[in-house]
Amino acid sequence: MSDSVANPHMDKKVAFVENTHQHAKLILKLRHDGVTQSKFFRAIIAGYVDGDERIQSYIDEMKPQGKQKRAKSKKLRDKGEQMMKDFGLNDGEIENIFDLIEEEHPEL
């Protein structure tokens, strides 16, 4: 049964092309870890969209960005996280903080 039949909210398909060698290495590694391709990609996407610091750190390293801008982005994220801790904010309030930071620094 496909994921879209099991869960009607799963209505978008994400696809890309990769070379045979990289794909084979991915499959072997996923099998070793006992993770399906779907579960892996969904977890990576969710982590990225939800702002998981581990994934964001990796993205920051790979994106074309100068060291100064990268440091500024990290500083702003750290500031936001500290504010969340200091004020015990919920998810909706957290989104508003990041929106405010983005408004102040649209170049990021």
PDB file of N, CA and C in Angstrom:
ATOM      1  N   MET A   1       0.849  -1.177   0.000  1.00  0.00           N
ATOM      2  CA  MET A   1       0.000   0.000   0.000  1.00  0.00           C
ATOM      3  C   MET A   1       0.890   1.235   0.000  1.00  0.00           C
ATOM      4  N   SER A   2       0.612   2.168  -0.877  1.00  0.00           N
ATOM      5  CA  SER A   2       1.448   3.371  -0.952  1.00  0.00           C
ATOM      6  C   SER A   2       1.141   4.297   0.211  1.00  0.00           C
ATOM      7  N   ASP A   3       2.097   5.173   0.518  1.00  0.00           N
ATOM      8  CA  ASP A   3       1.941   6.105   1.629  1.00  0.00           C
ATOM      9  C   ASP A   3       0.752   7.031   1.433  1.00  0.00           C
ATOM     10  N   SER A   4       0.487   7.435   0.180  1.00  0.00           N
ATOM     11  CA  SER A   4      -0.613   8.372  -0.065  1.00  0.00           C
ATOM     12  C   SER A   4      -1.968   7.711   0.175  1.00  0.00           C
ATOM     13  N   VAL A   5      -2.067   6.386  -0.027  1.00  0.00           N
ATOM     14  CA  VAL A   5      -3.311   5.683   0.250  1.00  0.00           C
ATOM     15  C   VAL A   5      -3.477   5.518   1.756  1.00  0.00           C
ATOM     16  N   ALA A   6      -2.401   5.185   2.450  1.00  0.00           N
ATOM     17  CA  ALA A   6      -2.448   4.993   3.894  1.00  0.00           C
ATOM     18  C   ALA A   6      -2.692   6.301   4.623  1.00  0.00           C
ATOM     19  N   ASN A   7      -2.173   7.398   4.107  1.00  0.00           N
ATOM     20  CA  ASN A   7      -2.322   8.705   4.727  1.00  0.00           C
ATOM     21  C   ASN A   7      -2.699   9.711   3.647  1.00  0.00           C
ATOM     22  N   PRO A   8      -3.953  10.133   3.607  1.00  0.00           N
ATOM     23  CA  PRO A   8      -4.388  11.036   2.534  1.00  0.00           C
ATOM     24  C   PRO A   8      -3.683  12.392   2.543  1.00  0.00           C
ATOM     25  N   HIS A   9      -3.016  12.734   3.634  1.00  0.00           N
ATOM     26  CA  HIS A   9      -2.280  13.995   3.701  1.00  0.00           C
ATOM     27  C   HIS A   9      -0.948  13.917   2.958  1.00  0.00           C
ATOM     28  N   MET A  10      -0.532  12.711   2.622  1.00  0.00           N
ATOM     29  CA  MET A  10       0.700  12.511   1.856  1.00  0.00           C
ATOM     30  C   MET A  10       0.347  12.597   0.377  1.00  0.00           C
ATOM     31  N   ASP A  11       0.333  13.822  -0.168  1.00  0.00           N
ATOM     32  CA  ASP A  11      -0.120  13.982  -1.537  1.00  0.00           C
ATOM     33  C   ASP A  11       0.931  14.586  -2.470  1.00  0.00           C
ATOM     34  N   LYS A  12       2.138  14.771  -1.981  1.00  0.00           N
ATOM     35  CA  LYS A  12       3.212  15.320  -2.807  1.00  0.00           C
ATOM     36  C   LYS A  12       4.347  14.321  -2.894  1.00  0.00           C
ATOM     37  N   LYS A  13       4.911  14.212  -4.080  1.00  0.00           N
ATOM     38  CA  LYS A  13       6.045  13.322  -4.299  1.00  0.00           C
ATOM     39  C   LYS A  13       7.270  14.174  -4.565  1.00  0.00           C
ATOM     40  N   VAL A  14       8.360  13.867  -3.909  1.00  0.00           N
ATOM     41  CA  VAL A  14       9.620  14.578  -4.093  1.00  0.00           C
ATOM     42  C   VAL A  14      10.580  13.608  -4.777  1.00  0.00           C
ATOM     43  N   ALA A  15      11.156  14.037  -5.879  1.00  0.00           N
ATOM     44  CA  ALA A  15      12.066  13.164  -6.627  1.00  0.00           C
ATOM     45  C   ALA A  15      13.264  13.952  -7.115  1.00  0.00           C
ATOM     46  N   PHE A  16      14.380  13.279  -7.226  1.00  0.00           N
ATOM     47  CA  PHE A  16      15.585  13.868  -7.790  1.00  0.00           C
ATOM     48  C   PHE A  16      16.437  12.750  -8.352  1.00  0.00           C
ATOM     49  N   VAL A  17      17.414  13.107  -9.131  1.00  0.00           N
ATOM     50  CA  VAL A  17      18.278  12.135  -9.783  1.00  0.00           C
ATOM     51  C   VAL A  17      19.621  12.099  -9.059  1.00  0.00           C
ATOM     52  N   GLU A  18      20.130  10.888  -8.865  1.00  0.00           N
ATOM     53  CA  GLU A  18      21.436  10.682  -8.238  1.00  0.00           C
ATOM     54  C   GLU A  18      22.162   9.603  -9.023  1.00  0.00           C
ATOM     55  N   ASN A  19      23.478   9.592  -8.941  1.00  0.00           N
ATOM     56  CA  ASN A  19      24.215   8.567  -9.681  1.00  0.00           C
ATOM     57  C   ASN A  19      24.087   7.201  -8.990  1.00  0.00           C
ATOM     58  N   THR A  20      24.299   6.154  -9.759  1.00  0.00           N
ATOM     59  CA  THR A  20      24.100   4.781  -9.293  1.00  0.00           C
ATOM     60  C   THR A  20      24.948   4.456  -8.076  1.00  0.00           C
ATOM     61  N   HIS A  21      26.192   4.885  -8.065  1.00  0.00           N
ATOM     62  CA  HIS A  21      27.098   4.577  -6.956  1.00  0.00           C
ATOM     63  C   HIS A  21      26.607   5.213  -5.645  1.00  0.00           C
ATOM     64  N   GLN A  22      26.251   6.487  -5.684  1.00  0.00           N
ATOM     65  CA  GLN A  22      25.753   7.161  -4.476  1.00  0.00           C
ATOM     66  C   GLN A  22      24.458   6.522  -3.991  1.00  0.00           C
ATOM     67  N   HIS A  23      23.582   6.171  -4.926  1.00  0.00           N
ATOM     68  CA  HIS A  23      22.316   5.548  -4.550  1.00  0.00           C
ATOM     69  C   HIS A  23      22.561   4.200  -3.871  1.00  0.00           C
ATOM     70  N   ALA A  24      23.459   3.408  -4.435  1.00  0.00           N
ATOM     71  CA  ALA A  24      23.782   2.110  -3.840  1.00  0.00           C
ATOM     72  C   ALA A  24      24.357   2.280  -2.432  1.00  0.00           C
ATOM     73  N   LYS A  25      25.234   3.262  -2.263  1.00  0.00           N
ATOM     74  CA  LYS A  25      25.802   3.519  -0.932  1.00  0.00           C
ATOM     75  C   LYS A  25      24.703   3.940   0.047  1.00  0.00           C
ATOM     76  N   LEU A  26      23.772   4.760  -0.413  1.00  0.00           N
ATOM     77  CA  LEU A  26      22.660   5.185   0.442  1.00  0.00           C
ATOM     78  C   LEU A  26      21.825   3.986   0.872  1.00  0.00           C
ATOM     79  N   ILE A  27      21.463   3.139  -0.091  1.00  0.00           N
ATOM     80  CA  ILE A  27      20.639   1.971   0.214  1.00  0.00           C
ATOM     81  C   ILE A  27      21.332   1.069   1.229  1.00  0.00           C
ATOM     82  N   LEU A  28      22.622   0.803   1.021  1.00  0.00           N
ATOM     83  CA  LEU A  28      23.360  -0.048   1.951  1.00  0.00           C
ATOM     84  C   LEU A  28      23.398   0.554   3.350  1.00  0.00           C
ATOM     85  N   LYS A  29      23.657   1.839   3.443  1.00  0.00           N
ATOM     86  CA  LYS A  29      23.734   2.502   4.743  1.00  0.00           C
ATOM     87  C   LYS A  29      22.370   2.498   5.443  1.00  0.00           C
ATOM     88  N   LEU A  30      21.309   2.776   4.674  1.00  0.00           N
ATOM     89  CA  LEU A  30      19.966   2.761   5.256  1.00  0.00           C
ATOM     90  C   LEU A  30      19.598   1.371   5.755  1.00  0.00           C
ATOM     91  N   ARG A  31      19.922   0.346   4.961  1.00  0.00           N
ATOM     92  CA  ARG A  31      19.644  -1.034   5.387  1.00  0.00           C
ATOM     93  C   ARG A  31      20.419  -1.364   6.659  1.00  0.00           C
ATOM     94  N   HIS A  32      21.655  -0.943   6.703  1.00  0.00           N
ATOM     95  CA  HIS A  32      22.474  -1.186   7.894  1.00  0.00           C
ATOM     96  C   HIS A  32      21.834  -0.549   9.129  1.00  0.00           C
ATOM     97  N   ASP A  33      21.265   0.640   8.950  1.00  0.00           N
ATOM     98  CA  ASP A  33      20.639   1.356  10.066  1.00  0.00           C
ATOM     99  C   ASP A  33      19.178   0.979  10.274  1.00  0.00           C
ATOM    100  N   GLY A  34      18.635   0.141   9.392  1.00  0.00           N
ATOM    101  CA  GLY A  34      17.249  -0.291   9.529  1.00  0.00           C
ATOM    102  C   GLY A  34      16.240   0.823   9.274  1.00  0.00           C
ATOM    103  N   VAL A  35      16.557   1.701   8.321  1.00  0.00           N
ATOM    104  CA  VAL A  35      15.694   2.840   8.011  1.00  0.00           C
ATOM    105  C   VAL A  35      15.310   2.773   6.537  1.00  0.00           C
ATOM    106  N   THR A  36      14.040   3.019   6.237  1.00  0.00           N
ATOM    107  CA  THR A  36      13.614   3.050   4.838  1.00  0.00           C
ATOM    108  C   THR A  36      13.976   4.401   4.232  1.00  0.00           C
ATOM    109  N   GLN A  37      14.018   4.429   2.893  1.00  0.00           N
ATOM    110  CA  GLN A  37      14.291   5.701   2.203  1.00  0.00           C
ATOM    111  C   GLN A  37      13.233   6.741   2.567  1.00  0.00           C
ATOM    112  N   SER A  38      11.968   6.332   2.568  1.00  0.00           N
ATOM    113  CA  SER A  38      10.888   7.275   2.883  1.00  0.00           C
ATOM    114  C   SER A  38      11.049   7.853   4.280  1.00  0.00           C
ATOM    115  N   LYS A  39      11.307   6.981   5.240  1.00  0.00           N
ATOM    116  CA  LYS A  39      11.461   7.450   6.621  1.00  0.00           C
ATOM    117  C   LYS A  39      12.656   8.396   6.740  1.00  0.00           C
ATOM    118  N   PHE A  40      13.755   8.042   6.063  1.00  0.00           N
ATOM    119  CA  PHE A  40      14.953   8.873   6.100  1.00  0.00           C
ATOM    120  C   PHE A  40      14.682  10.267   5.544  1.00  0.00           C
ATOM    121  N   PHE A  41      14.119  10.333   4.341  1.00  0.00           N
ATOM    122  CA  PHE A  41      13.891  11.636   3.721  1.00  0.00           C
ATOM    123  C   PHE A  41      12.846  12.450   4.472  1.00  0.00           C
ATOM    124  N   ARG A  42      11.807  11.798   4.974  1.00  0.00           N
ATOM    125  CA  ARG A  42      10.816  12.532   5.769  1.00  0.00           C
ATOM    126  C   ARG A  42      11.447  13.108   7.032  1.00  0.00           C
ATOM    127  N   ALA A  43      12.308  12.336   7.674  1.00  0.00           N
ATOM    128  CA  ALA A  43      12.962  12.815   8.888  1.00  0.00           C
ATOM    129  C   ALA A  43      13.888  13.993   8.589  1.00  0.00           C
ATOM    130  N   ILE A  44      14.642  13.902   7.507  1.00  0.00           N
ATOM    131  CA  ILE A  44      15.536  14.996   7.128  1.00  0.00           C
ATOM    132  C   ILE A  44      14.737  16.249   6.788  1.00  0.00           C
ATOM    133  N   ILE A  45      13.672  16.093   6.021  1.00  0.00           N
ATOM    134  CA  ILE A  45      12.839  17.240   5.656  1.00  0.00           C
ATOM    135  C   ILE A  45      12.210  17.858   6.902  1.00  0.00           C
ATOM    136  N   ALA A  46      11.643  17.032   7.766  1.00  0.00           N
ATOM    137  CA  ALA A  46      11.017  17.551   8.988  1.00  0.00           C
ATOM    138  C   ALA A  46      12.044  18.276   9.852  1.00  0.00           C
ATOM    139  N   GLY A  47      13.227  17.695  10.000  1.00  0.00           N
ATOM    140  CA  GLY A  47      14.272  18.336  10.789  1.00  0.00           C
ATOM    141  C   GLY A  47      14.688  19.676  10.215  1.00  0.00           C
ATOM    142  N   TYR A  48      14.794  19.745   8.906  1.00  0.00           N
ATOM    143  CA  TYR A  48      15.180  20.993   8.238  1.00  0.00           C
ATOM    144  C   TYR A  48      14.096  22.051   8.393  1.00  0.00           C
ATOM    145  N   VAL A  49      12.866  21.668   8.102  1.00  0.00           N
ATOM    146  CA  VAL A  49      11.743  22.608   8.173  1.00  0.00           C
ATOM    147  C   VAL A  49      11.503  23.069   9.616  1.00  0.00           C
ATOM    148  N   ASP A  50      11.668  22.156  10.568  1.00  0.00           N
ATOM    149  CA  ASP A  50      11.432  22.490  11.979  1.00  0.00           C
ATOM    150  C   ASP A  50      12.615  23.186  12.634  1.00  0.00           C
ATOM    151  N   GLY A  51      13.704  23.343  11.886  1.00  0.00           N
ATOM    152  CA  GLY A  51      14.857  24.074  12.407  1.00  0.00           C
ATOM    153  C   GLY A  51      15.749  23.283  13.348  1.00  0.00           C
ATOM    154  N   ASP A  52      15.808  21.971  13.161  1.00  0.00           N
ATOM    155  CA  ASP A  52      16.698  21.147  13.984  1.00  0.00           C
ATOM    156  C   ASP A  52      18.119  21.677  13.839  1.00  0.00           C
ATOM    157  N   GLU A  53      18.725  22.034  14.943  1.00  0.00           N
ATOM    158  CA  GLU A  53      20.049  22.672  14.930  1.00  0.00           C
ATOM    159  C   GLU A  53      21.107  21.791  14.280  1.00  0.00           C
ATOM    160  N   ARG A  54      21.005  20.474  14.427  1.00  0.00           N
ATOM    161  CA  ARG A  54      21.993  19.566  13.830  1.00  0.00           C
ATOM    162  C   ARG A  54      21.946  19.650  12.314  1.00  0.00           C
ATOM    163  N   ILE A  55      20.757  19.674  11.766  1.00  0.00           N
ATOM    164  CA  ILE A  55      20.615  19.763  10.311  1.00  0.00           C
ATOM    165  C   ILE A  55      20.963  21.165   9.837  1.00  0.00           C
ATOM    166  N   GLN A  56      20.508  22.177  10.570  1.00  0.00           N
ATOM    167  CA  GLN A  56      20.789  23.551  10.172  1.00  0.00           C
ATOM    168  C   GLN A  56      22.289  23.823  10.157  1.00  0.00           C
ATOM    169  N   SER A  57      22.996  23.272  11.111  1.00  0.00           N
ATOM    170  CA  SER A  57      24.442  23.433  11.165  1.00  0.00           C
ATOM    171  C   SER A  57      25.096  22.853   9.907  1.00  0.00           C
ATOM    172  N   TYR A  58      24.645  21.695   9.489  1.00  0.00           N
ATOM    173  CA  TYR A  58      25.174  21.064   8.275  1.00  0.00           C
ATOM    174  C   TYR A  58      24.833  21.903   7.048  1.00  0.00           C
ATOM    175  N   ILE A  59      23.601  22.391   6.963  1.00  0.00           N
ATOM    176  CA  ILE A  59      23.183  23.227   5.840  1.00  0.00           C
ATOM    177  C   ILE A  59      24.029  24.496   5.790  1.00  0.00           C
ATOM    178  N   ASP A  60      24.264  25.091   6.951  1.00  0.00           N
ATOM    179  CA  ASP A  60      25.080  26.302   7.014  1.00  0.00           C
ATOM    180  C   ASP A  60      26.478  26.060   6.456  1.00  0.00           C
ATOM    181  N   GLU A  61      27.033  24.884   6.731  1.00  0.00           N
ATOM    182  CA  GLU A  61      28.375  24.556   6.245  1.00  0.00           C
ATOM    183  C   GLU A  61      28.408  24.354   4.735  1.00  0.00           C
ATOM    184  N   MET A  62      27.324  23.840   4.175  1.00  0.00           N
ATOM    185  CA  MET A  62      27.348  23.515   2.747  1.00  0.00           C
ATOM    186  C   MET A  62      26.857  24.635   1.848  1.00  0.00           C
ATOM    187  N   LYS A  63      26.083  25.573   2.380  1.00  0.00           N
ATOM    188  CA  LYS A  63      25.548  26.612   1.490  1.00  0.00           C
ATOM    189  C   LYS A  63      26.609  27.659   1.189  1.00  0.00           C
ATOM    190  N   PRO A  64      26.513  28.247   0.000  1.00  0.00           N
ATOM    191  CA  PRO A  64      27.500  29.255  -0.381  1.00  0.00           C
ATOM    192  C   PRO A  64      27.262  30.545   0.406  1.00  0.00           C
ATOM    193  N   GLN A  65      28.078  30.724   1.420  1.00  0.00           N
ATOM    194  CA  GLN A  65      27.900  31.871   2.306  1.00  0.00           C
ATOM    195  C   GLN A  65      29.249  32.175   2.947  1.00  0.00           C
ATOM    196  N   GLY A  66      29.556  33.444   3.068  1.00  0.00           N
ATOM    197  CA  GLY A  66      30.800  33.831   3.697  1.00  0.00           C
ATOM    198  C   GLY A  66      30.804  33.530   5.187  1.00  0.00           C
ATOM    199  N   LYS A  67      31.987  33.437   5.757  1.00  0.00           N
ATOM    200  CA  LYS A  67      32.116  33.132   7.178  1.00  0.00           C
ATOM    201  C   LYS A  67      31.408  34.161   8.057  1.00  0.00           C
ATOM    202  N   GLN A  68      31.495  35.420   7.672  1.00  0.00           N
ATOM    203  CA  GLN A  68      30.881  36.485   8.468  1.00  0.00           C
ATOM    204  C   GLN A  68      29.357  36.342   8.484  1.00  0.00           C
ATOM    205  N   LYS A  69      28.767  36.096   7.338  1.00  0.00           N
ATOM    206  CA  LYS A  69      27.319  35.940   7.258  1.00  0.00           C
ATOM    207  C   LYS A  69      26.874  34.672   7.989  1.00  0.00           C
ATOM    208  N   ARG A  70      27.652  33.596   7.865  1.00  0.00           N
ATOM    209  CA  ARG A  70      27.350  32.343   8.556  1.00  0.00           C
ATOM    210  C   ARG A  70      27.369  32.563  10.068  1.00  0.00           C
ATOM    211  N   ALA A  71      28.368  33.292  10.547  1.00  0.00           N
ATOM    212  CA  ALA A  71      28.470  33.569  11.978  1.00  0.00           C
ATOM    213  C   ALA A  71      27.295  34.427  12.441  1.00  0.00           C
ATOM    214  N   LYS A  72      26.890  35.379  11.630  1.00  0.00           N
ATOM    215  CA  LYS A  72      25.765  36.248  11.979  1.00  0.00           C
ATOM    216  C   LYS A  72      24.466  35.438  12.052  1.00  0.00           C
ATOM    217  N   SER A  73      24.270  34.534  11.108  1.00  0.00           N
ATOM    218  CA  SER A  73      23.080  33.679  11.108  1.00  0.00           C
ATOM    219  C   SER A  73      23.036  32.820  12.367  1.00  0.00           C
ATOM    220  N   LYS A  74      24.176  32.241  12.710  1.00  0.00           N
ATOM    221  CA  LYS A  74      24.232  31.394  13.907  1.00  0.00           C
ATOM    222  C   LYS A  74      23.961  32.216  15.151  1.00  0.00           C
ATOM    223  N   LYS A  75      24.528  33.409  15.212  1.00  0.00           N
ATOM    224  CA  LYS A  75      24.323  34.274  16.366  1.00  0.00           C
ATOM    225  C   LYS A  75      22.834  34.617  16.529  1.00  0.00           C
ATOM    226  N   LEU A  76      22.170  34.903  15.419  1.00  0.00           N
ATOM    227  CA  LEU A  76      20.740  35.214  15.472  1.00  0.00           C
ATOM    228  C   LEU A  76      19.912  34.003  15.914  1.00  0.00           C
ATOM    229  N   ARG A  77      20.255  32.820  15.406  1.00  0.00           N
ATOM    230  CA  ARG A  77      19.540  31.611  15.834  1.00  0.00           C
ATOM    231  C   ARG A  77      19.764  31.353  17.313  1.00  0.00           C
ATOM    232  N   ASP A  78      21.007  31.506  17.752  1.00  0.00           N
ATOM    233  CA  ASP A  78      21.318  31.306  19.172  1.00  0.00           C
ATOM    234  C   ASP A  78      20.556  32.295  20.044  1.00  0.00           C
ATOM    235  N   LYS A  79      20.480  33.535  19.577  1.00  0.00           N
ATOM    236  CA  LYS A  79      19.740  34.565  20.314  1.00  0.00           C
ATOM    237  C   LYS A  79      18.268  34.175  20.428  1.00  0.00           C
ATOM    238  N   GLY A  80      17.695  33.691  19.341  1.00  0.00           N
ATOM    239  CA  GLY A  80      16.301  33.251  19.356  1.00  0.00           C
ATOM    240  C   GLY A  80      16.078  32.085  20.300  1.00  0.00           C
ATOM    241  N   GLU A  81      16.991  31.118  20.278  1.00  0.00           N
ATOM    242  CA  GLU A  81      16.877  29.965  21.175  1.00  0.00           C
ATOM    243  C   GLU A  81      16.976  30.398  22.634  1.00  0.00           C
ATOM    244  N   GLN A  82      17.879  31.316  22.920  1.00  0.00           N
ATOM    245  CA  GLN A  82      18.024  31.793  24.292  1.00  0.00           C
ATOM    246  C   GLN A  82      16.760  32.511  24.751  1.00  0.00           C
ATOM    247  N   MET A  83      16.171  33.285  23.856  1.00  0.00           N
ATOM    248  CA  MET A  83      14.919  33.970  24.191  1.00  0.00           C
ATOM    249  C   MET A  83      13.814  32.959  24.489  1.00  0.00           C
ATOM    250  N   MET A  84      13.769  31.876  23.714  1.00  0.00           N
ATOM    251  CA  MET A  84      12.768  30.840  23.954  1.00  0.00           C
ATOM    252  C   MET A  84      12.950  30.253  25.345  1.00  0.00           C
ATOM    253  N   LYS A  85      14.180  29.983  25.715  1.00  0.00           N
ATOM    254  CA  LYS A  85      14.458  29.418  27.034  1.00  0.00           C
ATOM    255  C   LYS A  85      14.123  30.413  28.135  1.00  0.00           C
ATOM    256  N   ASP A  86      14.527  31.671  27.937  1.00  0.00           N
ATOM    257  CA  ASP A  86      14.310  32.690  28.953  1.00  0.00           C
ATOM    258  C   ASP A  86      12.834  32.946  29.222  1.00  0.00           C
ATOM    259  N   PHE A  87      12.039  32.903  28.166  1.00  0.00           N
ATOM    260  CA  PHE A  87      10.632  33.259  28.298  1.00  0.00           C
ATOM    261  C   PHE A  87       9.682  32.071  28.254  1.00  0.00           C
ATOM    262  N   GLY A  88      10.192  30.879  28.067  1.00  0.00           N
ATOM    263  CA  GLY A  88       9.344  29.689  28.015  1.00  0.00           C
ATOM    264  C   GLY A  88       8.264  29.809  26.960  1.00  0.00           C
ATOM    265  N   LEU A  89       8.645  30.137  25.741  1.00  0.00           N
ATOM    266  CA  LEU A  89       7.689  30.421  24.675  1.00  0.00           C
ATOM    267  C   LEU A  89       7.154  29.151  24.028  1.00  0.00           C
ATOM    268  N   ASN A  90       5.902  29.245  23.528  1.00  0.00           N
ATOM    269  CA  ASN A  90       5.322  28.110  22.804  1.00  0.00           C
ATOM    270  C   ASN A  90       5.663  28.232  21.317  1.00  0.00           C
ATOM    271  N   ASP A  91       5.273  27.218  20.534  1.00  0.00           N
ATOM    272  CA  ASP A  91       5.642  27.172  19.111  1.00  0.00           C
ATOM    273  C   ASP A  91       5.145  28.380  18.327  1.00  0.00           C
ATOM    274  N   GLY A  92       3.915  28.823  18.579  1.00  0.00           N
ATOM    275  CA  GLY A  92       3.374  29.984  17.868  1.00  0.00           C
ATOM    276  C   GLY A  92       4.159  31.240  18.167  1.00  0.00           C
ATOM    277  N   GLU A  93       4.508  31.415  19.412  1.00  0.00           N
ATOM    278  CA  GLU A  93       5.296  32.582  19.809  1.00  0.00           C
ATOM    279  C   GLU A  93       6.712  32.511  19.235  1.00  0.00           C
ATOM    280  N   ILE A  94       7.238  31.319  19.155  1.00  0.00           N
ATOM    281  CA  ILE A  94       8.570  31.121  18.594  1.00  0.00           C
ATOM    282  C   ILE A  94       8.592  31.537  17.130  1.00  0.00           C
ATOM    283  N   GLU A  95       7.565  31.141  16.372  1.00  0.00           N
ATOM    284  CA  GLU A  95       7.479  31.530  14.964  1.00  0.00           C
ATOM    285  C   GLU A  95       7.498  33.047  14.824  1.00  0.00           C
ATOM    286  N   ASN A  96       6.784  33.741  15.710  1.00  0.00           N
ATOM    287  CA  ASN A  96       6.743  35.197  15.655  1.00  0.00           C
ATOM    288  C   ASN A  96       8.126  35.801  15.886  1.00  0.00           C
ATOM    289  N   ILE A  97       8.895  35.234  16.781  1.00  0.00           N
ATOM    290  CA  ILE A  97      10.245  35.738  17.055  1.00  0.00           C
ATOM    291  C   ILE A  97      11.113  35.604  15.809  1.00  0.00           C
ATOM    292  N   PHE A  98      11.065  34.439  15.165  1.00  0.00           N
ATOM    293  CA  PHE A  98      11.887  34.244  13.980  1.00  0.00           C
ATOM    294  C   PHE A  98      11.421  35.138  12.833  1.00  0.00           C
ATOM    295  N   ASP A  99      10.116  35.402  12.768  1.00  0.00           N
ATOM    296  CA  ASP A  99       9.616  36.346  11.766  1.00  0.00           C
ATOM    297  C   ASP A  99      10.173  37.741  12.027  1.00  0.00           C
ATOM    298  N   LEU A 100      10.212  38.144  13.291  1.00  0.00           N
ATOM    299  CA  LEU A 100      10.757  39.457  13.640  1.00  0.00           C
ATOM    300  C   LEU A 100      12.239  39.546  13.299  1.00  0.00           C
ATOM    301  N   ILE A 101      12.978  38.497  13.609  1.00  0.00           N
ATOM    302  CA  ILE A 101      14.411  38.478  13.287  1.00  0.00           C
ATOM    303  C   ILE A 101      14.586  38.571  11.774  1.00  0.00           C
ATOM    304  N   GLU A 102      13.764  37.856  11.030  1.00  0.00           N
ATOM    305  CA  GLU A 102      13.865  37.879   9.574  1.00  0.00           C
ATOM    306  C   GLU A 102      13.539  39.284   9.036  1.00  0.00           C
ATOM    307  N   GLU A 103      12.554  39.954   9.647  1.00  0.00           N
ATOM    308  CA  GLU A 103      12.219  41.303   9.208  1.00  0.00           C
ATOM    309  C   GLU A 103      13.372  42.277   9.457  1.00  0.00           C
ATOM    310  N   GLU A 104      14.048  42.102  10.592  1.00  0.00           N
ATOM    311  CA  GLU A 104      15.171  42.973  10.918  1.00  0.00           C
ATOM    312  C   GLU A 104      16.375  42.715  10.032  1.00  0.00           C
ATOM    313  N   HIS A 105      16.521  41.468   9.578  1.00  0.00           N
ATOM    314  CA  HIS A 105      17.700  41.069   8.809  1.00  0.00           C
ATOM    315  C   HIS A 105      17.254  40.306   7.555  1.00  0.00           C
ATOM    316  N   PRO A 106      16.621  40.976   6.599  1.00  0.00           N
ATOM    317  CA  PRO A 106      16.105  40.281   5.409  1.00  0.00           C
ATOM    318  C   PRO A 106      17.198  39.693   4.529  1.00  0.00           C
ATOM    319  N   GLU A 107      18.426  40.131   4.711  1.00  0.00           N
ATOM    320  CA  GLU A 107      19.521  39.619   3.886  1.00  0.00           C
ATOM    321  C   GLU A 107      19.910  38.205   4.262  1.00  0.00           C
ATOM    322  N   LEU A 108      19.428  37.693   5.372  1.00  0.00           N
ATOM    323  CA  LEU A 108      19.778  36.340   5.804  1.00  0.00           C
ATOM    324  C   LEU A 108      18.969  35.300   5.089  1.00  0.00           C
TER     325      LEU A 108
END
